[in-house]
Amino acid sequence: MTDLEDWLVHQRSRRGVGKAKRMDPSVPAAVWHEEELLDGEVVDTMAAVVRTGGCSHDRDHGGCTMCGYASETPHRPPTEDEYLSQVRALAARRGDARWVKLYTSGSMLDPDEVPPVVLEAIVEAFDDVDMLTVESRAEHITAERVRALGDPSRTEVAIGLESACDRVLDGSVHKGMDLAAFQRAAAEVTGEGASVRT
């Protein structure tokens, strides 16, 4: 680990961030509705934070300096049944939302965080929305994983790019990626016909 990683891990442990918490891994961390502009029309959008076992960058390298998602990570990764329970809960709360945005405590496209069978269930549950947005760190984005999200014309992948300056990404944000990694991931997404959100 670098000095910054050591410091981040130490600070998170002092604040209790990332410590095991008794959270129900069968329910999403948060669900809310908001309005978004889609193809020139204001539409109802459901956004949610899916509980997962946590971000690999947080676990392995101390995470991004501004991220508090580790505080929403349960004491253990959800089981497949618990993930599927979250998917059912989200489908039940969708209402009239034409756009569904799903976030995690890390990366929806990391198969170690969100098992492929769960991603498949998510795509199936929301196969009739006008737009499905999922978030992922750049290193987990591949053409194959983008294709797994279904119809690319209604798919958006959100990739956090807090700065286009590598020095800021590394030294201030501790993002664990550089601009070139973001550009590679964005090219994978757009190469499959899907959209990128930053």
Foldseek 3Di string as FASTA:
>chain_A
DDPVLVVLVVVCVVVVQLPADADQLLAFLDKDWDWDQDPNDTFIEIETEHAWQAAPCCVPRNAWPVARLSNVHHNGGDDPNSLVSHLVVCLVPCPRGLEYEYEYNAACLPCVTPPLVSLLSNLVSNVRHQAYEYEHELVSAALVSLVSSPDQNRYEYEYDDPDQDQCCCCPPTVVVDHNVSVVVRQCSSVVNVHHYHD
